[in-house]
Amino acid sequence: MQNLTPLEIQKQTFARKLKGFDPQEVRAYLQLIAEEIERLVKDVDRLARENAMLRDDLDDHNQRERILKDTLLSAQKVSEEVKSNARKEAELIVKDAELLSERLVSQAMSRVADLERTIQDLKVERRGARNKLEATLDTIQQLLMLDAEQEANELPITSMHRLRE
């Protein structure tokens, strides 16, 4: 069966038979059917347009949802990468700080050891200088004592003149 238009329904004619239906009543009823079909066709067209618009809107929304999901996933990946990079950078900074700290402590310990050796060397030198000074003082004291003995043993010059005379 083909699709009937309201105009086709209105123009439809029927063969007459004896004792058939009242042609005016049939004509009026066909007019009523044609008007109802015209209204229904308009409703179907309007609904089809609305349906198409709603489908377009739905497609737009679905596409936006996909874009938002992709963007969210991308943002999560970037966030994870940033966190990971920050963690790695923090670990490197800590490692560098530890190495620097170890190097500085090692240098300080080396400097302390150098200073302790220098202090020990200076103590040895001081002991040696003290010993030399004591030895020198002892020598001077002995010389002074010898000189005093010699002086005591010597006769006065006036006495020596008398002895010669």
N, C-alpha and C. Protein backbone atom coordinates (compact mmCIF):
# COMPACT_ATOMS: atom_id res chain seq x y z
N MET A 1 0.85 -1.17 0.00
CA MET A 1 0.00 0.00 0.00
C MET A 1 0.89 1.22 0.00
N GLN A 2 0.53 2.19 -0.78
CA GLN A 2 1.32 3.42 -0.88
C GLN A 2 0.85 4.42 0.15
N ASN A 3 1.71 5.40 0.45
CA ASN A 3 1.35 6.45 1.40
C ASN A 3 0.33 7.38 0.77
N LEU A 4 -0.75 7.58 1.45
CA LEU A 4 -1.80 8.47 0.95
C LEU A 4 -1.59 9.86 1.50
N THR A 5 -1.80 10.84 0.65
CA THR A 5 -1.74 12.22 1.11
C THR A 5 -3.15 12.67 1.41
N PRO A 6 -3.32 13.70 2.19
CA PRO A 6 -4.66 14.20 2.48
C PRO A 6 -5.40 14.60 1.21
N LEU A 7 -4.69 15.14 0.23
CA LEU A 7 -5.33 15.56 -1.02
C LEU A 7 -5.88 14.35 -1.77
N GLU A 8 -5.12 13.25 -1.78
CA GLU A 8 -5.59 12.04 -2.45
C GLU A 8 -6.85 11.49 -1.79
N ILE A 9 -6.86 11.58 -0.48
CA ILE A 9 -8.06 11.09 0.24
C ILE A 9 -9.26 11.95 -0.13
N GLN A 10 -9.06 13.28 -0.20
CA GLN A 10 -10.17 14.18 -0.51
C GLN A 10 -10.68 13.95 -1.94
N LYS A 11 -9.82 13.62 -2.86
CA LYS A 11 -10.23 13.47 -4.26
C LYS A 11 -10.66 12.05 -4.60
N GLN A 12 -10.55 11.16 -3.65
CA GLN A 12 -10.92 9.77 -3.92
C GLN A 12 -12.41 9.68 -4.29
N THR A 13 -12.68 8.93 -5.35
CA THR A 13 -14.08 8.70 -5.75
C THR A 13 -14.36 7.21 -5.70
N PHE A 14 -15.60 6.90 -5.53
CA PHE A 14 -16.01 5.49 -5.42
C PHE A 14 -17.10 5.23 -6.48
N ALA A 15 -17.12 4.02 -6.93
CA ALA A 15 -18.17 3.65 -7.90
C ALA A 15 -19.50 3.55 -7.16
N ARG A 16 -20.58 3.88 -7.86
CA ARG A 16 -21.90 3.84 -7.21
C ARG A 16 -22.55 2.49 -7.46
N LYS A 17 -23.16 2.06 -6.45
CA LYS A 17 -23.91 0.81 -6.54
C LYS A 17 -25.27 1.08 -5.96
N LEU A 18 -26.05 0.24 -6.31
CA LEU A 18 -27.41 0.33 -5.80
C LEU A 18 -27.42 0.10 -4.30
N LYS A 19 -28.19 0.85 -3.64
CA LYS A 19 -28.33 0.78 -2.20
C LYS A 19 -26.96 0.93 -1.54
N GLY A 20 -26.09 1.79 -2.01
CA GLY A 20 -24.78 2.04 -1.42
C GLY A 20 -24.88 3.08 -0.32
N PHE A 21 -23.73 3.57 0.11
CA PHE A 21 -23.68 4.59 1.17
C PHE A 21 -24.04 5.93 0.61
N ASP A 22 -24.42 6.81 1.51
CA ASP A 22 -24.76 8.18 1.12
C ASP A 22 -23.49 8.87 0.68
N PRO A 23 -23.43 9.32 -0.60
CA PRO A 23 -22.20 9.93 -1.10
C PRO A 23 -21.79 11.17 -0.31
N GLN A 24 -22.67 12.00 0.17
CA GLN A 24 -22.31 13.19 0.92
C GLN A 24 -21.73 12.81 2.28
N GLU A 25 -22.28 11.80 2.87
CA GLU A 25 -21.77 11.36 4.17
C GLU A 25 -20.38 10.77 4.00
N VAL A 26 -20.16 9.99 2.95
CA VAL A 26 -18.84 9.41 2.68
C VAL A 26 -17.87 10.53 2.40
N ARG A 27 -18.31 11.52 1.55
CA ARG A 27 -17.48 12.65 1.21
C ARG A 27 -17.10 13.43 2.48
N ALA A 28 -17.99 13.68 3.39
CA ALA A 28 -17.73 14.41 4.63
C ALA A 28 -16.75 13.62 5.52
N TYR A 29 -16.96 12.32 5.57
CA TYR A 29 -16.09 11.50 6.41
C TYR A 29 -14.67 11.46 5.84
N LEU A 30 -14.56 11.34 4.51
CA LEU A 30 -13.25 11.36 3.87
C LEU A 30 -12.55 12.70 4.12
N GLN A 31 -13.33 13.78 4.11
CA GLN A 31 -12.78 15.12 4.40
C GLN A 31 -12.20 15.12 5.81
N LEU A 32 -12.91 14.57 6.76
CA LEU A 32 -12.49 14.51 8.15
C LEU A 32 -11.20 13.70 8.28
N ILE A 33 -11.16 12.55 7.59
CA ILE A 33 -9.98 11.68 7.62
C ILE A 33 -8.78 12.41 7.01
N ALA A 34 -9.01 13.09 5.89
CA ALA A 34 -7.93 13.82 5.21
C ALA A 34 -7.36 14.89 6.14
N GLU A 35 -8.24 15.61 6.84
CA GLU A 35 -7.76 16.66 7.76
C GLU A 35 -6.96 16.04 8.91
N GLU A 36 -7.43 14.92 9.44
CA GLU A 36 -6.72 14.25 10.55
C GLU A 36 -5.37 13.75 10.08
N ILE A 37 -5.33 13.18 8.88
CA ILE A 37 -4.06 12.68 8.34
C ILE A 37 -3.11 13.85 8.09
N GLU A 38 -3.63 14.97 7.59
CA GLU A 38 -2.80 16.15 7.37
C GLU A 38 -2.20 16.63 8.69
N ARG A 39 -3.05 16.64 9.74
CA ARG A 39 -2.55 17.04 11.06
C ARG A 39 -1.49 16.06 11.55
N LEU A 40 -1.74 14.77 11.35
CA LEU A 40 -0.78 13.75 11.80
C LEU A 40 0.53 13.85 11.02
N VAL A 41 0.44 14.10 9.71
CA VAL A 41 1.65 14.23 8.88
C VAL A 41 2.47 15.43 9.37
N LYS A 42 1.77 16.56 9.67
CA LYS A 42 2.47 17.74 10.19
C LYS A 42 3.14 17.41 11.53
N ASP A 43 2.41 16.67 12.40
CA ASP A 43 2.98 16.28 13.69
C ASP A 43 4.22 15.40 13.51
N VAL A 44 4.10 14.45 12.56
CA VAL A 44 5.22 13.55 12.30
C VAL A 44 6.42 14.35 11.78
N ASP A 45 6.17 15.30 10.86
CA ASP A 45 7.26 16.15 10.35
C ASP A 45 7.90 16.95 11.48
N ARG A 46 7.03 17.57 12.31
CA ARG A 46 7.54 18.37 13.41
C ARG A 46 8.34 17.50 14.38
N LEU A 47 7.80 16.32 14.72
CA LEU A 47 8.50 15.40 15.62
C LEU A 47 9.81 14.90 15.01
N ALA A 48 9.79 14.68 13.69
CA ALA A 48 11.02 14.23 13.02
C ALA A 48 12.09 15.32 13.10
N ARG A 49 11.68 16.60 12.90
CA ARG A 49 12.63 17.71 13.01
C ARG A 49 13.16 17.83 14.45
N GLU A 50 12.23 17.73 15.42
CA GLU A 50 12.64 17.79 16.82
C GLU A 50 13.59 16.64 17.16
N ASN A 51 13.24 15.46 16.65
CA ASN A 51 14.07 14.28 16.88
C ASN A 51 15.47 14.51 16.30
N ALA A 52 15.54 15.05 15.08
CA ALA A 52 16.83 15.31 14.44
C ALA A 52 17.63 16.32 15.26
N MET A 53 16.93 17.39 15.74
CA MET A 53 17.62 18.40 16.55
C MET A 53 18.12 17.78 17.86
N LEU A 54 17.28 16.97 18.49
CA LEU A 54 17.67 16.34 19.74
C LEU A 54 18.84 15.36 19.54
N ARG A 55 18.80 14.65 18.40
CA ARG A 55 19.91 13.75 18.09
C ARG A 55 21.21 14.54 17.89
N ASP A 56 21.09 15.68 17.16
CA ASP A 56 22.26 16.54 16.97
C ASP A 56 22.79 17.03 18.32
N ASP A 57 21.85 17.48 19.19
CA ASP A 57 22.25 17.94 20.53
C ASP A 57 22.92 16.80 21.30
N LEU A 58 22.31 15.60 21.21
CA LEU A 58 22.87 14.44 21.90
C LEU A 58 24.28 14.13 21.38
N ASP A 59 24.43 14.17 20.05
CA ASP A 59 25.75 13.94 19.47
C ASP A 59 26.75 14.97 19.97
N ASP A 60 26.32 16.26 20.01
CA ASP A 60 27.19 17.32 20.53
C ASP A 60 27.59 17.05 21.97
N HIS A 61 26.57 16.68 22.77
CA HIS A 61 26.86 16.40 24.18
C HIS A 61 27.78 15.20 24.34
N ASN A 62 27.53 14.17 23.53
CA ASN A 62 28.40 12.99 23.59
C ASN A 62 29.83 13.34 23.20
N GLN A 63 29.96 14.17 22.16
CA GLN A 63 31.29 14.59 21.73
C GLN A 63 31.97 15.42 22.83
N ARG A 64 31.23 16.33 23.44
CA ARG A 64 31.79 17.13 24.54
C ARG A 64 32.19 16.24 25.71
N GLU A 65 31.34 15.25 25.99
CA GLU A 65 31.66 14.33 27.08
C GLU A 65 32.96 13.58 26.78
N ARG A 66 33.11 13.11 25.53
CA ARG A 66 34.34 12.42 25.14
C ARG A 66 35.53 13.36 25.30
N ILE A 67 35.36 14.61 24.83
CA ILE A 67 36.45 15.59 24.94
C ILE A 67 36.79 15.83 26.41
N LEU A 68 35.76 15.97 27.25
CA LEU A 68 36.00 16.20 28.68
C LEU A 68 36.71 15.00 29.32
N LYS A 69 36.26 13.79 28.94
CA LYS A 69 36.91 12.59 29.48
C LYS A 69 38.37 12.54 29.04
N ASP A 70 38.60 12.80 27.74
CA ASP A 70 39.97 12.79 27.22
C ASP A 70 40.82 13.85 27.93
N THR A 71 40.21 15.04 28.11
CA THR A 71 40.93 16.12 28.79
C THR A 71 41.24 15.74 30.22
N LEU A 72 40.27 15.14 30.89
CA LEU A 72 40.48 14.71 32.28
C LEU A 72 41.57 13.66 32.35
N LEU A 73 41.54 12.69 31.46
CA LEU A 73 42.58 11.67 31.44
C LEU A 73 43.95 12.28 31.17
N SER A 74 43.97 13.20 30.22
CA SER A 74 45.22 13.88 29.90
C SER A 74 45.72 14.67 31.10
N ALA A 75 44.81 15.37 31.78
CA ALA A 75 45.19 16.15 32.95
C ALA A 75 45.71 15.23 34.06
N GLN A 76 45.06 14.07 34.23
CA GLN A 76 45.53 13.13 35.24
C GLN A 76 46.93 12.62 34.90
N LYS A 77 47.16 12.32 33.62
CA LYS A 77 48.48 11.85 33.20
C LYS A 77 49.52 12.93 33.46
N VAL A 78 49.19 14.17 33.06
CA VAL A 78 50.13 15.28 33.27
C VAL A 78 50.39 15.47 34.76
N SER A 79 49.32 15.38 35.55
CA SER A 79 49.46 15.53 37.00
C SER A 79 50.38 14.45 37.56
N GLU A 80 50.19 13.22 37.13
CA GLU A 80 51.05 12.12 37.59
C GLU A 80 52.49 12.34 37.15
N GLU A 81 52.67 12.81 35.91
CA GLU A 81 54.03 13.08 35.42
C GLU A 81 54.68 14.19 36.23
N VAL A 82 53.90 15.24 36.52
CA VAL A 82 54.43 16.36 37.31
C VAL A 82 54.82 15.86 38.70
N LYS A 83 53.94 15.05 39.31
CA LYS A 83 54.26 14.51 40.63
C LYS A 83 55.51 13.64 40.58
N SER A 84 55.57 12.79 39.57
CA SER A 84 56.71 11.90 39.43
C SER A 84 58.00 12.70 39.22
N ASN A 85 57.93 13.70 38.34
CA ASN A 85 59.11 14.53 38.09
C ASN A 85 59.51 15.30 39.34
N ALA A 86 58.53 15.81 40.06
CA ALA A 86 58.83 16.55 41.30
C ALA A 86 59.47 15.62 42.32
N ARG A 87 58.94 14.38 42.42
CA ARG A 87 59.52 13.40 43.34
C ARG A 87 60.97 13.11 42.96
N LYS A 88 61.19 12.87 41.65
CA LYS A 88 62.55 12.57 41.19
C LYS A 88 63.48 13.76 41.45
N GLU A 89 62.99 14.96 41.17
CA GLU A 89 63.81 16.16 41.39
C GLU A 89 64.12 16.33 42.87
N ALA A 90 63.15 16.07 43.72
CA ALA A 90 63.38 16.17 45.17
C ALA A 90 64.41 15.14 45.60
N GLU A 91 64.32 13.92 45.06
CA GLU A 91 65.30 12.89 45.41
C GLU A 91 66.69 13.31 44.96
N LEU A 92 66.80 13.89 43.76
CA LEU A 92 68.10 14.35 43.28
C LEU A 92 68.64 15.47 44.16
N ILE A 93 67.77 16.39 44.56
CA ILE A 93 68.21 17.50 45.41
C ILE A 93 68.71 16.95 46.75
N VAL A 94 67.97 15.99 47.31
CA VAL A 94 68.38 15.41 48.59
C VAL A 94 69.71 14.67 48.41
N LYS A 95 69.82 13.91 47.33
CA LYS A 95 71.05 13.17 47.08
C LYS A 95 72.23 14.12 46.92
N ASP A 96 72.03 15.21 46.15
CA ASP A 96 73.09 16.22 45.98
C ASP A 96 73.45 16.84 47.32
N ALA A 97 72.44 17.14 48.12
CA ALA A 97 72.69 17.74 49.44
C ALA A 97 73.47 16.77 50.33
N GLU A 98 73.09 15.49 50.27
CA GLU A 98 73.82 14.50 51.07
C GLU A 98 75.27 14.39 50.61
N LEU A 99 75.48 14.36 49.29
CA LEU A 99 76.86 14.29 48.78
C LEU A 99 77.66 15.52 49.19
N LEU A 100 77.04 16.69 49.07
CA LEU A 100 77.71 17.93 49.47
C LEU A 100 78.02 17.90 50.96
N SER A 101 77.06 17.44 51.74
CA SER A 101 77.25 17.35 53.19
C SER A 101 78.41 16.41 53.51
N GLU A 102 78.42 15.24 52.87
CA GLU A 102 79.50 14.28 53.10
C GLU A 102 80.85 14.88 52.70
N ARG A 103 80.88 15.58 51.57
CA ARG A 103 82.12 16.20 51.11
C ARG A 103 82.58 17.27 52.10
N LEU A 104 81.64 18.10 52.58
CA LEU A 104 81.99 19.15 53.53
C LEU A 104 82.48 18.55 54.86
N VAL A 105 81.80 17.50 55.31
CA VAL A 105 82.22 16.84 56.55
C VAL A 105 83.61 16.24 56.36
N SER A 106 83.82 15.61 55.22
CA SER A 106 85.13 15.02 54.93
C SER A 106 86.21 16.10 54.90
N GLN A 107 85.92 17.22 54.26
CA GLN A 107 86.89 18.32 54.21
C GLN A 107 87.15 18.86 55.62
N ALA A 108 86.09 18.99 56.41
CA ALA A 108 86.24 19.50 57.77
C ALA A 108 87.08 18.53 58.60
N MET A 109 86.82 17.22 58.45
CA MET A 109 87.58 16.22 59.20
C MET A 109 89.05 16.26 58.78
N SER A 110 89.28 16.41 57.49
CA SER A 110 90.64 16.50 56.97
C SER A 110 91.34 17.74 57.54
N ARG A 111 90.60 18.84 57.57
CA ARG A 111 91.16 20.09 58.11
C ARG A 111 91.46 19.94 59.60
N VAL A 112 90.56 19.28 60.33
CA VAL A 112 90.78 19.04 61.76
C VAL A 112 92.02 18.18 61.95
N ALA A 113 92.15 17.14 61.13
CA ALA A 113 93.34 16.27 61.24
C ALA A 113 94.60 17.07 60.94
N ASP A 114 94.56 17.94 59.90
CA ASP A 114 95.71 18.78 59.58
C ASP A 114 96.05 19.69 60.75
N LEU A 115 95.02 20.30 61.35
CA LEU A 115 95.24 21.19 62.48
C LEU A 115 95.80 20.43 63.68
N GLU A 116 95.31 19.22 63.94
CA GLU A 116 95.83 18.42 65.05
C GLU A 116 97.30 18.07 64.82
N ARG A 117 97.65 17.72 63.56
CA ARG A 117 99.06 17.43 63.25
C ARG A 117 99.92 18.67 63.46
N THR A 118 99.38 19.82 63.02
CA THR A 118 100.12 21.07 63.18
C THR A 118 100.31 21.37 64.67
N ILE A 119 99.26 21.18 65.46
CA ILE A 119 99.35 21.41 66.91
C ILE A 119 100.39 20.48 67.53
N GLN A 120 100.40 19.20 67.14
CA GLN A 120 101.38 18.25 67.67
C GLN A 120 102.80 18.67 67.27
N ASP A 121 102.94 19.09 65.99
CA ASP A 121 104.26 19.55 65.53
C ASP A 121 104.73 20.76 66.33
N LEU A 122 103.79 21.70 66.58
CA LEU A 122 104.14 22.89 67.36
C LEU A 122 104.49 22.53 68.81
N LYS A 123 103.79 21.55 69.38
CA LYS A 123 104.12 21.10 70.74
C LYS A 123 105.52 20.51 70.79
N VAL A 124 105.85 19.70 69.76
CA VAL A 124 107.19 19.11 69.68
C VAL A 124 108.23 20.22 69.55
N GLU A 125 107.94 21.20 68.70
CA GLU A 125 108.88 22.32 68.53
C GLU A 125 109.04 23.09 69.84
N ARG A 126 107.91 23.33 70.53
CA ARG A 126 107.96 24.07 71.80
C ARG A 126 108.80 23.29 72.82
N ARG A 127 108.59 21.97 72.89
CA ARG A 127 109.36 21.14 73.81
C ARG A 127 110.85 21.22 73.47
N GLY A 128 111.11 21.14 72.14
CA GLY A 128 112.51 21.22 71.71
C GLY A 128 113.11 22.59 72.04
N ALA A 129 112.32 23.66 71.81
CA ALA A 129 112.82 25.01 72.11
C ALA A 129 113.04 25.16 73.61
N ARG A 130 112.11 24.62 74.43
CA ARG A 130 112.25 24.70 75.89
C ARG A 130 113.50 23.96 76.33
N ASN A 131 113.68 22.77 75.75
CA ASN A 131 114.87 21.98 76.12
C ASN A 131 116.14 22.73 75.75
N LYS A 132 116.17 23.33 74.56
CA LYS A 132 117.35 24.10 74.15
C LYS A 132 117.58 25.28 75.08
N LEU A 133 116.44 25.97 75.41
CA LEU A 133 116.54 27.13 76.30
C LEU A 133 117.04 26.70 77.68
N GLU A 134 116.51 25.58 78.19
CA GLU A 134 116.96 25.08 79.49
C GLU A 134 118.44 24.71 79.43
N ALA A 135 118.81 24.05 78.32
CA ALA A 135 120.22 23.68 78.16
C ALA A 135 121.09 24.92 78.09
N THR A 136 120.62 25.93 77.36
CA THR A 136 121.38 27.18 77.26
C THR A 136 121.48 27.85 78.62
N LEU A 137 120.35 27.88 79.34
CA LEU A 137 120.35 28.49 80.68
C LEU A 137 121.29 27.72 81.61
N ASP A 138 121.25 26.39 81.52
CA ASP A 138 122.15 25.57 82.34
C ASP A 138 123.61 25.90 82.01
N THR A 139 123.88 26.00 80.70
CA THR A 139 125.25 26.32 80.27
C THR A 139 125.65 27.69 80.79
N ILE A 140 124.76 28.67 80.65
CA ILE A 140 125.06 30.03 81.13
C ILE A 140 125.26 30.01 82.65
N GLN A 141 124.40 29.25 83.35
CA GLN A 141 124.51 29.18 84.81
C GLN A 141 125.85 28.54 85.19
N GLN A 142 126.22 27.50 84.49
CA GLN A 142 127.51 26.85 84.78
C GLN A 142 128.66 27.80 84.49
N LEU A 143 128.53 28.53 83.37
CA LEU A 143 129.58 29.51 83.04
C LEU A 143 129.66 30.59 84.11
N LEU A 144 128.50 31.04 84.56
CA LEU A 144 128.48 32.06 85.61
C LEU A 144 129.10 31.52 86.90
N MET A 145 128.80 30.27 87.21
CA MET A 145 129.37 29.67 88.41
C MET A 145 130.89 29.51 88.26
N LEU A 146 131.34 29.12 87.09
CA LEU A 146 132.77 29.00 86.84
C LEU A 146 133.44 30.36 86.93
N ASP A 147 132.75 31.32 86.34
CA ASP A 147 133.29 32.68 86.36
C ASP A 147 133.38 33.18 87.80
N ALA A 148 132.36 32.87 88.56
CA ALA A 148 132.36 33.30 89.97
C ALA A 148 133.47 32.59 90.73
N GLU A 149 133.70 31.33 90.45
CA GLU A 149 134.76 30.59 91.10
C GLU A 149 136.11 31.15 90.71
N GLN A 150 136.24 31.45 89.45
CA GLN A 150 137.52 32.00 88.98
C GLN A 150 137.76 33.34 89.62
N GLU A 151 136.73 34.08 89.71
CA GLU A 151 136.85 35.41 90.30
C GLU A 151 137.22 35.26 91.78
N ALA A 152 136.62 34.31 92.41
CA ALA A 152 136.91 34.12 93.83
C ALA A 152 138.34 33.60 94.00
N ASN A 153 138.79 32.84 93.07
CA ASN A 153 140.14 32.29 93.15
C ASN A 153 141.20 33.31 92.73
N GLU A 154 140.85 34.28 92.05
CA GLU A 154 141.82 35.27 91.59
C GLU A 154 142.10 36.24 92.71
N LEU A 155 143.32 36.73 92.74
CA LEU A 155 143.70 37.72 93.73
C LEU A 155 143.39 39.07 93.18
N PRO A 156 143.13 39.97 94.04
CA PRO A 156 142.88 41.30 93.53
C PRO A 156 144.13 41.82 92.83
N ILE A 157 143.94 42.72 91.93
CA ILE A 157 145.03 43.27 91.11
C ILE A 157 146.05 43.97 92.04
N THR A 158 145.58 44.64 92.99
CA THR A 158 146.50 45.30 93.90
C THR A 158 147.31 44.25 94.65
N SER A 159 146.65 43.19 94.94
CA SER A 159 147.39 42.15 95.62
C SER A 159 148.40 41.56 94.67
N MET A 160 148.13 41.50 93.45
CA MET A 160 149.05 40.89 92.49
C MET A 160 150.26 41.77 92.33
N HIS A 161 150.08 43.06 92.44
CA HIS A 161 151.23 43.96 92.32
C HIS A 161 152.16 43.73 93.51
N ARG A 162 151.65 43.53 94.57
CA ARG A 162 152.44 43.34 95.75
C ARG A 162 153.16 42.05 95.67
N LEU A 163 152.57 41.09 95.13
CA LEU A 163 153.23 39.80 95.03
C LEU A 163 154.39 39.90 94.07
N ARG A 164 154.32 40.70 93.13
CA ARG A 164 155.37 40.81 92.15
C ARG A 164 156.51 41.64 92.75
N GLU A 165 156.32 42.40 93.60
CA GLU A 165 157.34 43.26 94.14
C GLU A 165 158.12 42.54 95.13
